[in-house]
Amino acid sequence: MHAQSHVREAFVDWAENVTLGQAAWHDVATEFEGNEYQVDSLLGRLWNCTDQLPSSPLLLIDMPPSSNGTYAAMVRHLKAEYRNPN
């Protein structure tokens, strides 16, 4: 499934900001290019996105080794590891 580019870009921006310490995994919302996005909505919209992630070193830091490099794989990993703590 293909997701809209602004959704993918907002997600990448948020994830990179988290990696840089400028945002947090538990953030409720994020701003990208003057628009506010609910983080859980971004994650939900990318849950089945088979588009390949950009080769951002910041995103790759947290990708599981078994990942296929898609948005869906990253979102599922982040949701399991960070958004739903035990």
N, C-alpha and C. Protein backbone atom coordinates (compact mmCIF):
# COMPACT_ATOMS: atom_id res chain seq x y z
N MET A 1 0.83 -1.17 0.00
CA MET A 1 0.00 0.00 0.00
C MET A 1 0.88 1.25 0.00
N HIS A 2 0.48 2.22 -0.75
CA HIS A 2 1.23 3.46 -0.90
C HIS A 2 0.61 4.54 -0.02
N ALA A 3 1.44 5.28 0.71
CA ALA A 3 0.95 6.39 1.53
C ALA A 3 1.33 7.71 0.87
N GLN A 4 0.56 8.74 1.17
CA GLN A 4 0.82 10.05 0.59
C GLN A 4 2.18 10.57 1.04
N SER A 5 2.85 11.30 0.17
CA SER A 5 4.21 11.76 0.45
C SER A 5 4.28 12.65 1.69
N HIS A 6 3.29 13.52 1.91
CA HIS A 6 3.36 14.40 3.08
C HIS A 6 3.25 13.59 4.39
N VAL A 7 2.56 12.48 4.37
CA VAL A 7 2.46 11.61 5.55
C VAL A 7 3.81 10.94 5.79
N ARG A 8 4.40 10.41 4.73
CA ARG A 8 5.71 9.77 4.87
C ARG A 8 6.76 10.78 5.34
N GLU A 9 6.76 11.96 4.76
CA GLU A 9 7.74 12.98 5.11
C GLU A 9 7.56 13.46 6.55
N ALA A 10 6.33 13.63 7.00
CA ALA A 10 6.07 14.04 8.38
C ALA A 10 6.57 12.97 9.35
N PHE A 11 6.34 11.70 9.02
CA PHE A 11 6.82 10.61 9.86
C PHE A 11 8.34 10.60 9.95
N VAL A 12 9.01 10.70 8.81
CA VAL A 12 10.48 10.70 8.79
C VAL A 12 11.03 11.87 9.59
N ASP A 13 10.43 13.04 9.43
CA ASP A 13 10.86 14.22 10.17
C ASP A 13 10.73 13.98 11.67
N TRP A 14 9.58 13.46 12.11
CA TRP A 14 9.37 13.17 13.53
C TRP A 14 10.37 12.14 14.04
N ALA A 15 10.54 11.04 13.32
CA ALA A 15 11.44 9.97 13.77
C ALA A 15 12.89 10.47 13.84
N GLU A 16 13.30 11.27 12.88
CA GLU A 16 14.66 11.83 12.92
C GLU A 16 14.80 12.79 14.09
N ASN A 17 13.79 13.61 14.35
CA ASN A 17 13.84 14.52 15.50
C ASN A 17 13.91 13.77 16.81
N VAL A 18 13.23 12.64 16.91
CA VAL A 18 13.32 11.82 18.11
C VAL A 18 14.75 11.32 18.28
N THR A 19 15.34 10.82 17.20
CA THR A 19 16.70 10.30 17.26
C THR A 19 17.69 11.38 17.68
N LEU A 20 17.44 12.62 17.26
CA LEU A 20 18.31 13.75 17.61
C LEU A 20 18.01 14.34 18.99
N GLY A 21 16.98 13.83 19.66
CA GLY A 21 16.61 14.34 20.97
C GLY A 21 15.77 15.61 20.92
N GLN A 22 15.24 15.95 19.75
CA GLN A 22 14.43 17.15 19.59
C GLN A 22 12.94 16.86 19.67
N ALA A 23 12.57 15.59 19.85
CA ALA A 23 11.20 15.15 20.03
C ALA A 23 11.26 13.87 20.86
N ALA A 24 10.10 13.37 21.25
CA ALA A 24 10.08 12.16 22.09
C ALA A 24 9.17 11.11 21.47
N TRP A 25 9.48 9.83 21.76
CA TRP A 25 8.68 8.73 21.23
C TRP A 25 7.23 8.83 21.68
N HIS A 26 7.00 9.38 22.86
CA HIS A 26 5.64 9.45 23.40
C HIS A 26 4.89 10.73 23.00
N ASP A 27 5.47 11.54 22.11
CA ASP A 27 4.78 12.75 21.66
C ASP A 27 3.41 12.41 21.09
N VAL A 28 2.46 13.27 21.36
CA VAL A 28 1.10 13.09 20.84
C VAL A 28 0.98 13.66 19.44
N ALA A 29 1.67 14.79 19.21
CA ALA A 29 1.58 15.46 17.91
C ALA A 29 2.96 15.95 17.49
N THR A 30 3.08 16.20 16.19
CA THR A 30 4.31 16.75 15.64
C THR A 30 3.94 17.75 14.57
N GLU A 31 4.81 18.71 14.34
CA GLU A 31 4.57 19.71 13.30
C GLU A 31 5.54 19.48 12.15
N PHE A 32 5.03 19.60 10.95
CA PHE A 32 5.86 19.44 9.76
C PHE A 32 5.34 20.39 8.70
N GLU A 33 6.22 21.24 8.21
CA GLU A 33 5.89 22.22 7.17
C GLU A 33 4.61 23.00 7.50
N GLY A 34 4.51 23.44 8.76
CA GLY A 34 3.40 24.27 9.17
C GLY A 34 2.10 23.54 9.47
N ASN A 35 2.09 22.22 9.36
CA ASN A 35 0.90 21.42 9.66
C ASN A 35 1.15 20.54 10.87
N GLU A 36 0.11 20.38 11.69
CA GLU A 36 0.23 19.50 12.85
C GLU A 36 -0.34 18.13 12.50
N TYR A 37 0.39 17.10 12.91
CA TYR A 37 -0.01 15.71 12.67
C TYR A 37 -0.05 14.99 14.01
N GLN A 38 -1.09 14.21 14.23
CA GLN A 38 -1.15 13.33 15.39
C GLN A 38 -0.22 12.15 15.11
N VAL A 39 0.71 11.88 16.02
CA VAL A 39 1.70 10.83 15.79
C VAL A 39 1.02 9.48 15.61
N ASP A 40 0.05 9.15 16.45
CA ASP A 40 -0.62 7.86 16.29
C ASP A 40 -1.34 7.75 14.94
N SER A 41 -1.83 8.87 14.44
CA SER A 41 -2.47 8.87 13.11
C SER A 41 -1.43 8.60 12.03
N LEU A 42 -0.26 9.22 12.14
CA LEU A 42 0.82 8.95 11.18
C LEU A 42 1.17 7.47 11.19
N LEU A 43 1.35 6.93 12.40
CA LEU A 43 1.72 5.52 12.52
C LEU A 43 0.64 4.62 11.92
N GLY A 44 -0.61 4.95 12.18
CA GLY A 44 -1.71 4.16 11.64
C GLY A 44 -1.78 4.22 10.12
N ARG A 45 -1.53 5.40 9.56
CA ARG A 45 -1.61 5.56 8.11
C ARG A 45 -0.45 4.87 7.40
N LEU A 46 0.62 4.62 8.12
CA LEU A 46 1.80 3.97 7.52
C LEU A 46 1.91 2.49 7.91
N TRP A 47 0.98 1.99 8.68
CA TRP A 47 1.02 0.62 9.20
C TRP A 47 1.20 -0.42 8.10
N ASN A 48 0.58 -0.22 6.96
CA ASN A 48 0.68 -1.17 5.84
C ASN A 48 1.41 -0.59 4.63
N CYS A 49 2.14 0.48 4.83
CA CYS A 49 2.81 1.16 3.71
C CYS A 49 4.04 0.36 3.28
N THR A 50 4.02 -0.11 2.04
CA THR A 50 5.12 -0.92 1.53
C THR A 50 6.19 -0.09 0.81
N ASP A 51 6.04 1.23 0.85
CA ASP A 51 7.08 2.10 0.27
C ASP A 51 8.37 1.92 1.06
N GLN A 52 9.48 2.03 0.37
CA GLN A 52 10.79 1.91 1.01
C GLN A 52 11.13 3.19 1.73
N LEU A 53 11.70 3.05 2.92
CA LEU A 53 12.18 4.20 3.68
C LEU A 53 13.34 4.85 2.95
N PRO A 54 13.51 6.16 3.12
CA PRO A 54 14.71 6.78 2.57
C PRO A 54 15.93 6.25 3.32
N SER A 55 17.07 6.35 2.73
CA SER A 55 18.28 5.80 3.37
C SER A 55 18.85 6.78 4.38
N SER A 56 18.02 7.26 5.26
CA SER A 56 18.42 8.19 6.31
C SER A 56 19.21 7.45 7.38
N PRO A 57 20.44 7.87 7.64
CA PRO A 57 21.21 7.20 8.69
C PRO A 57 20.52 7.26 10.04
N LEU A 58 19.78 8.33 10.30
CA LEU A 58 19.10 8.45 11.58
C LEU A 58 17.99 7.43 11.72
N LEU A 59 17.26 7.16 10.65
CA LEU A 59 16.21 6.16 10.72
C LEU A 59 16.80 4.76 10.81
N LEU A 60 17.89 4.53 10.11
CA LEU A 60 18.48 3.20 10.07
C LEU A 60 19.06 2.78 11.40
N ILE A 61 19.39 3.75 12.26
CA ILE A 61 19.94 3.44 13.58
C ILE A 61 19.00 2.52 14.34
N ASP A 62 17.71 2.75 14.21
CA ASP A 62 16.75 2.02 15.02
C ASP A 62 16.04 0.90 14.26
N MET A 63 16.39 0.66 13.02
CA MET A 63 15.72 -0.39 12.25
C MET A 63 16.19 -1.76 12.72
N PRO A 64 15.25 -2.67 12.96
CA PRO A 64 15.65 -4.03 13.33
C PRO A 64 16.36 -4.71 12.17
N PRO A 65 17.33 -5.58 12.45
CA PRO A 65 18.09 -6.23 11.38
C PRO A 65 17.21 -7.04 10.42
N SER A 66 16.10 -7.55 10.89
CA SER A 66 15.23 -8.36 10.04
C SER A 66 14.28 -7.52 9.20
N SER A 67 14.38 -6.22 9.32
CA SER A 67 13.46 -5.32 8.61
C SER A 67 13.66 -5.39 7.11
N ASN A 68 12.58 -5.16 6.38
CA ASN A 68 12.67 -5.12 4.92
C ASN A 68 12.80 -3.68 4.41
N GLY A 69 12.98 -2.73 5.32
CA GLY A 69 13.23 -1.35 4.94
C GLY A 69 12.00 -0.56 4.51
N THR A 70 10.82 -1.04 4.86
CA THR A 70 9.61 -0.32 4.49
C THR A 70 9.12 0.54 5.65
N TYR A 71 8.25 1.48 5.32
CA TYR A 71 7.62 2.29 6.36
C TYR A 71 6.86 1.38 7.33
N ALA A 72 6.14 0.40 6.80
CA ALA A 72 5.37 -0.50 7.65
C ALA A 72 6.27 -1.20 8.66
N ALA A 73 7.42 -1.68 8.24
CA ALA A 73 8.34 -2.37 9.16
C ALA A 73 8.82 -1.43 10.25
N MET A 74 9.17 -0.20 9.88
CA MET A 74 9.64 0.77 10.87
C MET A 74 8.53 1.14 11.84
N VAL A 75 7.34 1.39 11.33
CA VAL A 75 6.22 1.78 12.18
C VAL A 75 5.89 0.66 13.17
N ARG A 76 5.84 -0.56 12.70
CA ARG A 76 5.51 -1.68 13.58
C ARG A 76 6.57 -1.86 14.66
N HIS A 77 7.83 -1.67 14.28
CA HIS A 77 8.92 -1.75 15.25
C HIS A 77 8.79 -0.65 16.30
N LEU A 78 8.61 0.58 15.85
CA LEU A 78 8.50 1.70 16.78
C LEU A 78 7.29 1.55 17.70
N LYS A 79 6.19 1.12 17.14
CA LYS A 79 4.97 0.96 17.95
C LYS A 79 5.19 -0.10 19.03
N ALA A 80 5.83 -1.20 18.66
CA ALA A 80 6.07 -2.28 19.62
C ALA A 80 7.11 -1.88 20.69
N GLU A 81 8.15 -1.20 20.26
CA GLU A 81 9.26 -0.90 21.16
C GLU A 81 9.05 0.36 22.01
N TYR A 82 8.40 1.36 21.46
CA TYR A 82 8.39 2.65 22.13
C TYR A 82 7.01 3.20 22.46
N ARG A 83 6.04 2.99 21.59
CA ARG A 83 4.74 3.60 21.79
C ARG A 83 3.87 2.81 22.77
N ASN A 84 4.15 1.53 22.94
CA ASN A 84 3.36 0.69 23.83
C ASN A 84 4.27 0.04 24.87
N PRO A 85 4.85 0.83 25.78
CA PRO A 85 5.76 0.24 26.77
C PRO A 85 5.02 -0.70 27.72
N ASN A 86 5.76 -1.67 28.21
CA ASN A 86 5.17 -2.65 29.16
C ASN A 86 5.01 -2.06 30.54
